[in-house]
Amino acid sequence: MPLSIRLTEDEEARLTALAERTGRSKTFYVRQAIEAYLEDLEEQYWADEAVREWEASGKRSRPAQQLWDELGV
């Protein structure tokens, strides 16, 4: 699926230099960057949602060390 993005002159120059230096396409590196960043974003939003659900549930939290001690970790 095609997608248009605007890069700064510096970003374009860096991407072009990387592609030329490695013999890979600029598209290859843009796709790698998006994939890596999406994974981070998905994890961050999942964690944020988990915290919101926990807080909304009214359950009490406790220090991690206390939980680990109870689990024998």
PDB file of N, CA and C in Angstrom:
ATOM      1  N   MET A   1       0.848  -1.170   0.000  1.00  0.00           N
ATOM      2  CA  MET A   1       0.000   0.000   0.000  1.00  0.00           C
ATOM      3  C   MET A   1       0.897   1.237   0.000  1.00  0.00           C
ATOM      4  N   PRO A   2       0.767   2.085  -0.962  1.00  0.00           N
ATOM      5  CA  PRO A   2       1.593   3.294  -1.035  1.00  0.00           C
ATOM      6  C   PRO A   2       1.274   4.269   0.095  1.00  0.00           C
ATOM      7  N   LEU A   3       2.296   4.985   0.514  1.00  0.00           N
ATOM      8  CA  LEU A   3       2.157   5.983   1.568  1.00  0.00           C
ATOM      9  C   LEU A   3       3.134   7.101   1.279  1.00  0.00           C
ATOM     10  N   SER A   4       2.686   8.326   1.392  1.00  0.00           N
ATOM     11  CA  SER A   4       3.569   9.474   1.182  1.00  0.00           C
ATOM     12  C   SER A   4       3.947  10.066   2.527  1.00  0.00           C
ATOM     13  N   ILE A   5       5.223  10.400   2.677  1.00  0.00           N
ATOM     14  CA  ILE A   5       5.684  11.069   3.892  1.00  0.00           C
ATOM     15  C   ILE A   5       6.593  12.224   3.491  1.00  0.00           C
ATOM     16  N   ARG A   6       6.687  13.188   4.361  1.00  0.00           N
ATOM     17  CA  ARG A   6       7.588  14.310   4.130  1.00  0.00           C
ATOM     18  C   ARG A   6       8.747  14.203   5.110  1.00  0.00           C
ATOM     19  N   LEU A   7       9.939  14.258   4.574  1.00  0.00           N
ATOM     20  CA  LEU A   7      11.146  14.214   5.391  1.00  0.00           C
ATOM     21  C   LEU A   7      11.820  15.566   5.345  1.00  0.00           C
ATOM     22  N   THR A   8      12.559  15.864   6.402  1.00  0.00           N
ATOM     23  CA  THR A   8      13.384  17.065   6.363  1.00  0.00           C
ATOM     24  C   THR A   8      14.544  16.798   5.399  1.00  0.00           C
ATOM     25  N   GLU A   9      15.217  17.849   4.994  1.00  0.00           N
ATOM     26  CA  GLU A   9      16.373  17.672   4.108  1.00  0.00           C
ATOM     27  C   GLU A   9      17.423  16.797   4.768  1.00  0.00           C
ATOM     28  N   ASP A  10      17.630  16.982   6.057  1.00  0.00           N
ATOM     29  CA  ASP A  10      18.626  16.192   6.783  1.00  0.00           C
ATOM     30  C   ASP A  10      18.222  14.718   6.825  1.00  0.00           C
ATOM     31  N   GLU A  11      16.949  14.442   7.112  1.00  0.00           N
ATOM     32  CA  GLU A  11      16.487  13.050   7.142  1.00  0.00           C
ATOM     33  C   GLU A  11      16.646  12.391   5.778  1.00  0.00           C
ATOM     34  N   GLU A  12      16.280  13.111   4.736  1.00  0.00           N
ATOM     35  CA  GLU A  12      16.412  12.575   3.380  1.00  0.00           C
ATOM     36  C   GLU A  12      17.874  12.286   3.058  1.00  0.00           C
ATOM     37  N   ALA A  13      18.760  13.203   3.415  1.00  0.00           N
ATOM     38  CA  ALA A  13      20.186  13.012   3.138  1.00  0.00           C
ATOM     39  C   ALA A  13      20.735  11.807   3.904  1.00  0.00           C
ATOM     40  N   ARG A  14      20.357  11.684   5.159  1.00  0.00           N
ATOM     41  CA  ARG A  14      20.832  10.563   5.972  1.00  0.00           C
ATOM     42  C   ARG A  14      20.306   9.239   5.441  1.00  0.00           C
ATOM     43  N   LEU A  15      19.032   9.213   5.070  1.00  0.00           N
ATOM     44  CA  LEU A  15      18.435   7.999   4.530  1.00  0.00           C
ATOM     45  C   LEU A  15      19.081   7.616   3.207  1.00  0.00           C
ATOM     46  N   THR A  16      19.302   8.587   2.348  1.00  0.00           N
ATOM     47  CA  THR A  16      19.944   8.334   1.061  1.00  0.00           C
ATOM     48  C   THR A  16      21.364   7.809   1.258  1.00  0.00           C
ATOM     49  N   ALA A  17      22.102   8.439   2.158  1.00  0.00           N
ATOM     50  CA  ALA A  17      23.478   8.009   2.425  1.00  0.00           C
ATOM     51  C   ALA A  17      23.512   6.575   2.955  1.00  0.00           C
ATOM     52  N   LEU A  18      22.594   6.252   3.856  1.00  0.00           N
ATOM     53  CA  LEU A  18      22.540   4.900   4.404  1.00  0.00           C
ATOM     54  C   LEU A  18      22.227   3.885   3.312  1.00  0.00           C
ATOM     55  N   ALA A  19      21.249   4.214   2.482  1.00  0.00           N
ATOM     56  CA  ALA A  19      20.869   3.301   1.402  1.00  0.00           C
ATOM     57  C   ALA A  19      22.028   3.089   0.430  1.00  0.00           C
ATOM     58  N   GLU A  20      22.706   4.158   0.068  1.00  0.00           N
ATOM     59  CA  GLU A  20      23.840   4.039  -0.858  1.00  0.00           C
ATOM     60  C   GLU A  20      24.985   3.251  -0.233  1.00  0.00           C
ATOM     61  N   ARG A  21      25.244   3.504   1.039  1.00  0.00           N
ATOM     62  CA  ARG A  21      26.356   2.842   1.721  1.00  0.00           C
ATOM     63  C   ARG A  21      26.122   1.343   1.858  1.00  0.00           C
ATOM     64  N   THR A  22      24.869   0.945   2.014  1.00  0.00           N
ATOM     65  CA  THR A  22      24.576  -0.460   2.280  1.00  0.00           C
ATOM     66  C   THR A  22      24.040  -1.220   1.070  1.00  0.00           C
ATOM     67  N   GLY A  23      23.688  -0.498   0.030  1.00  0.00           N
ATOM     68  CA  GLY A  23      23.140  -1.152  -1.143  1.00  0.00           C
ATOM     69  C   GLY A  23      21.687  -1.576  -0.982  1.00  0.00           C
ATOM     70  N   ARG A  24      21.040  -1.075   0.030  1.00  0.00           N
ATOM     71  CA  ARG A  24      19.619  -1.353   0.255  1.00  0.00           C
ATOM     72  C   ARG A  24      18.811  -0.136  -0.188  1.00  0.00           C
ATOM     73  N   SER A  25      17.517  -0.335  -0.349  1.00  0.00           N
ATOM     74  CA  SER A  25      16.666   0.780  -0.763  1.00  0.00           C
ATOM     75  C   SER A  25      16.265   1.635   0.433  1.00  0.00           C
ATOM     76  N   LYS A  26      15.908   2.865   0.133  1.00  0.00           N
ATOM     77  CA  LYS A  26      15.391   3.738   1.189  1.00  0.00           C
ATOM     78  C   LYS A  26      14.094   3.152   1.745  1.00  0.00           C
ATOM     79  N   THR A  27      13.294   2.566   0.884  1.00  0.00           N
ATOM     80  CA  THR A  27      12.046   1.943   1.317  1.00  0.00           C
ATOM     81  C   THR A  27      12.309   0.854   2.345  1.00  0.00           C
ATOM     82  N   PHE A  28      13.359   0.069   2.134  1.00  0.00           N
ATOM     83  CA  PHE A  28      13.715  -0.986   3.079  1.00  0.00           C
ATOM     84  C   PHE A  28      13.906  -0.407   4.474  1.00  0.00           C
ATOM     85  N   TYR A  29      14.665   0.683   4.580  1.00  0.00           N
ATOM     86  CA  TYR A  29      14.949   1.272   5.890  1.00  0.00           C
ATOM     87  C   TYR A  29      13.740   1.967   6.493  1.00  0.00           C
ATOM     88  N   VAL A  30      12.925   2.591   5.670  1.00  0.00           N
ATOM     89  CA  VAL A  30      11.711   3.222   6.185  1.00  0.00           C
ATOM     90  C   VAL A  30      10.781   2.154   6.748  1.00  0.00           C
ATOM     91  N   ARG A  31      10.633   1.036   6.041  1.00  0.00           N
ATOM     92  CA  ARG A  31       9.775  -0.036   6.534  1.00  0.00           C
ATOM     93  C   ARG A  31      10.324  -0.636   7.827  1.00  0.00           C
ATOM     94  N   GLN A  32      11.638  -0.801   7.919  1.00  0.00           N
ATOM     95  CA  GLN A  32      12.239  -1.321   9.158  1.00  0.00           C
ATOM     96  C   GLN A  32      11.976  -0.384  10.321  1.00  0.00           C
ATOM     97  N   ALA A  33      12.138   0.908  10.083  1.00  0.00           N
ATOM     98  CA  ALA A  33      11.933   1.895  11.146  1.00  0.00           C
ATOM     99  C   ALA A  33      10.482   1.897  11.610  1.00  0.00           C
ATOM    100  N   ILE A  34       9.559   1.849  10.676  1.00  0.00           N
ATOM    101  CA  ILE A  34       8.142   1.838  11.030  1.00  0.00           C
ATOM    102  C   ILE A  34       7.803   0.580  11.820  1.00  0.00           C
ATOM    103  N   GLU A  35       8.281  -0.556  11.369  1.00  0.00           N
ATOM    104  CA  GLU A  35       7.990  -1.808  12.067  1.00  0.00           C
ATOM    105  C   GLU A  35       8.503  -1.771  13.506  1.00  0.00           C
ATOM    106  N   ALA A  36       9.726  -1.316  13.693  1.00  0.00           N
ATOM    107  CA  ALA A  36      10.305  -1.257  15.038  1.00  0.00           C
ATOM    108  C   ALA A  36       9.551  -0.262  15.913  1.00  0.00           C
ATOM    109  N   TYR A  37       9.211   0.880  15.364  1.00  0.00           N
ATOM    110  CA  TYR A  37       8.531   1.901  16.145  1.00  0.00           C
ATOM    111  C   TYR A  37       7.107   1.483  16.469  1.00  0.00           C
ATOM    112  N   LEU A  38       6.432   0.831  15.537  1.00  0.00           N
ATOM    113  CA  LEU A  38       5.071   0.364  15.801  1.00  0.00           C
ATOM    114  C   LEU A  38       5.045  -0.629  16.951  1.00  0.00           C
ATOM    115  N   GLU A  39       6.026  -1.522  16.998  1.00  0.00           N
ATOM    116  CA  GLU A  39       6.089  -2.478  18.107  1.00  0.00           C
ATOM    117  C   GLU A  39       6.204  -1.750  19.444  1.00  0.00           C
ATOM    118  N   ASP A  40       7.061  -0.738  19.495  1.00  0.00           N
ATOM    119  CA  ASP A  40       7.220   0.038  20.726  1.00  0.00           C
ATOM    120  C   ASP A  40       5.924   0.759  21.090  1.00  0.00           C
ATOM    121  N   LEU A  41       5.284   1.386  20.103  1.00  0.00           N
ATOM    122  CA  LEU A  41       4.035   2.098  20.362  1.00  0.00           C
ATOM    123  C   LEU A  41       2.932   1.161  20.823  1.00  0.00           C
ATOM    124  N   GLU A  42       2.803   0.026  20.156  1.00  0.00           N
ATOM    125  CA  GLU A  42       1.774  -0.936  20.543  1.00  0.00           C
ATOM    126  C   GLU A  42       1.973  -1.397  21.983  1.00  0.00           C
ATOM    127  N   GLU A  43       3.206  -1.662  22.353  1.00  0.00           N
ATOM    128  CA  GLU A  43       3.500  -2.092  23.724  1.00  0.00           C
ATOM    129  C   GLU A  43       3.197  -0.982  24.719  1.00  0.00           C
ATOM    130  N   GLN A  44       3.571   0.238  24.380  1.00  0.00           N
ATOM    131  CA  GLN A  44       3.324   1.377  25.265  1.00  0.00           C
ATOM    132  C   GLN A  44       1.826   1.579  25.474  1.00  0.00           C
ATOM    133  N   TYR A  45       1.041   1.556  24.402  1.00  0.00           N
ATOM    134  CA  TYR A  45      -0.399   1.752  24.535  1.00  0.00           C
ATOM    135  C   TYR A  45      -1.061   0.581  25.262  1.00  0.00           C
ATOM    136  N   TRP A  46      -0.566  -0.632  25.061  1.00  0.00           N
ATOM    137  CA  TRP A  46      -1.085  -1.778  25.792  1.00  0.00           C
ATOM    138  C   TRP A  46      -0.852  -1.578  27.292  1.00  0.00           C
ATOM    139  N   ALA A  47       0.366  -1.169  27.665  1.00  0.00           N
ATOM    140  CA  ALA A  47       0.696  -0.960  29.076  1.00  0.00           C
ATOM    141  C   ALA A  47      -0.146   0.161  29.672  1.00  0.00           C
ATOM    142  N   ASP A  48      -0.313   1.258  28.933  1.00  0.00           N
ATOM    143  CA  ASP A  48      -1.137   2.367  29.420  1.00  0.00           C
ATOM    144  C   ASP A  48      -2.569   1.913  29.666  1.00  0.00           C
ATOM    145  N   GLU A  49      -3.118   1.134  28.745  1.00  0.00           N
ATOM    146  CA  GLU A  49      -4.481   0.636  28.892  1.00  0.00           C
ATOM    147  C   GLU A  49      -4.584  -0.306  30.084  1.00  0.00           C
ATOM    148  N   ALA A  50      -3.588  -1.162  30.276  1.00  0.00           N
ATOM    149  CA  ALA A  50      -3.599  -2.081  31.421  1.00  0.00           C
ATOM    150  C   ALA A  50      -3.606  -1.302  32.736  1.00  0.00           C
ATOM    151  N   VAL A  51      -2.828  -0.232  32.801  1.00  0.00           N
ATOM    152  CA  VAL A  51      -2.793   0.593  34.019  1.00  0.00           C
ATOM    153  C   VAL A  51      -4.147   1.258  34.233  1.00  0.00           C
ATOM    154  N   ARG A  52      -4.746   1.814  33.175  1.00  0.00           N
ATOM    155  CA  ARG A  52      -6.056   2.456  33.304  1.00  0.00           C
ATOM    156  C   ARG A  52      -7.111   1.454  33.775  1.00  0.00           C
ATOM    157  N   GLU A  53      -7.094   0.254  33.219  1.00  0.00           N
ATOM    158  CA  GLU A  53      -8.056  -0.773  33.634  1.00  0.00           C
ATOM    159  C   GLU A  53      -7.855  -1.148  35.097  1.00  0.00           C
ATOM    160  N   TRP A  54      -6.599  -1.275  35.502  1.00  0.00           N
ATOM    161  CA  TRP A  54      -6.304  -1.625  36.896  1.00  0.00           C
ATOM    162  C   TRP A  54      -6.806  -0.527  37.828  1.00  0.00           C
ATOM    163  N   GLU A  55      -6.509   0.717  37.485  1.00  0.00           N
ATOM    164  CA  GLU A  55      -6.931   1.828  38.335  1.00  0.00           C
ATOM    165  C   GLU A  55      -8.453   1.926  38.402  1.00  0.00           C
ATOM    166  N   ALA A  56      -9.134   1.679  37.286  1.00  0.00           N
ATOM    167  CA  ALA A  56     -10.592   1.755  37.250  1.00  0.00           C
ATOM    168  C   ALA A  56     -11.242   0.605  38.007  1.00  0.00           C
ATOM    169  N   SER A  57     -10.525  -0.492  38.191  1.00  0.00           N
ATOM    170  CA  SER A  57     -11.099  -1.659  38.867  1.00  0.00           C
ATOM    171  C   SER A  57     -11.223  -1.467  40.370  1.00  0.00           C
ATOM    172  N   GLY A  58     -10.489  -0.493  40.899  1.00  0.00           N
ATOM    173  CA  GLY A  58     -10.527  -0.263  42.338  1.00  0.00           C
ATOM    174  C   GLY A  58      -9.635  -1.193  43.136  1.00  0.00           C
ATOM    175  N   LYS A  59      -8.933  -2.073  42.465  1.00  0.00           N
ATOM    176  CA  LYS A  59      -8.017  -2.989  43.151  1.00  0.00           C
ATOM    177  C   LYS A  59      -6.838  -2.200  43.707  1.00  0.00           C
ATOM    178  N   ARG A  60      -6.312  -2.680  44.821  1.00  0.00           N
ATOM    179  CA  ARG A  60      -5.163  -2.014  45.427  1.00  0.00           C
ATOM    180  C   ARG A  60      -3.886  -2.566  44.820  1.00  0.00           C
ATOM    181  N   SER A  61      -2.943  -1.706  44.649  1.00  0.00           N
ATOM    182  CA  SER A  61      -1.634  -2.142  44.149  1.00  0.00           C
ATOM    183  C   SER A  61      -0.698  -2.349  45.326  1.00  0.00           C
ATOM    184  N   ARG A  62       0.435  -2.950  45.036  1.00  0.00           N
ATOM    185  CA  ARG A  62       1.446  -3.171  46.068  1.00  0.00           C
ATOM    186  C   ARG A  62       2.816  -3.099  45.406  1.00  0.00           C
ATOM    187  N   PRO A  63       3.831  -2.864  46.187  1.00  0.00           N
ATOM    188  CA  PRO A  63       5.180  -2.785  45.605  1.00  0.00           C
ATOM    189  C   PRO A  63       5.569  -4.101  44.930  1.00  0.00           C
ATOM    190  N   ALA A  64       6.285  -4.007  43.850  1.00  0.00           N
ATOM    191  CA  ALA A  64       6.707  -5.193  43.105  1.00  0.00           C
ATOM    192  C   ALA A  64       7.510  -6.146  43.990  1.00  0.00           C
ATOM    193  N   GLN A  65       8.355  -5.608  44.838  1.00  0.00           N
ATOM    194  CA  GLN A  65       9.172  -6.461  45.697  1.00  0.00           C
ATOM    195  C   GLN A  65       8.306  -7.335  46.596  1.00  0.00           C
ATOM    196  N   GLN A  66       7.201  -6.776  47.083  1.00  0.00           N
ATOM    197  CA  GLN A  66       6.287  -7.550  47.921  1.00  0.00           C
ATOM    198  C   GLN A  66       5.681  -8.705  47.117  1.00  0.00           C
ATOM    199  N   LEU A  67       5.283  -8.441  45.904  1.00  0.00           N
ATOM    200  CA  LEU A  67       4.737  -9.492  45.044  1.00  0.00           C
ATOM    201  C   LEU A  67       5.785 -10.559  44.759  1.00  0.00           C
ATOM    202  N   TRP A  68       7.001 -10.131  44.433  1.00  0.00           N
ATOM    203  CA  TRP A  68       8.063 -11.088  44.150  1.00  0.00           C
ATOM    204  C   TRP A  68       8.365 -11.960  45.371  1.00  0.00           C
ATOM    205  N   ASP A  69       8.346 -11.344  46.547  1.00  0.00           N
ATOM    206  CA  ASP A  69       8.584 -12.109  47.779  1.00  0.00           C
ATOM    207  C   ASP A  69       7.493 -13.160  47.958  1.00  0.00           C
ATOM    208  N   GLU A  70       6.237 -12.778  47.685  1.00  0.00           N
ATOM    209  CA  GLU A  70       5.127 -13.716  47.816  1.00  0.00           C
ATOM    210  C   GLU A  70       5.238 -14.855  46.815  1.00  0.00           C
ATOM    211  N   LEU A  71       5.769 -14.556  45.633  1.00  0.00           N
ATOM    212  CA  LEU A  71       5.918 -15.569  44.595  1.00  0.00           C
ATOM    213  C   LEU A  71       7.213 -16.375  44.743  1.00  0.00           C
ATOM    214  N   GLY A  72       8.078 -15.938  45.651  1.00  0.00           N
ATOM    215  CA  GLY A  72       9.349 -16.629  45.850  1.00  0.00           C
ATOM    216  C   GLY A  72      10.359 -16.369  44.760  1.00  0.00           C
ATOM    217  N   VAL A  73      10.263 -15.217  44.145  1.00  0.00           N
ATOM    218  CA  VAL A  73      11.184 -14.857  43.060  1.00  0.00           C
ATOM    219  C   VAL A  73      12.434 -14.212  43.627  1.00  0.00           C
TER     220      VAL A  73
END
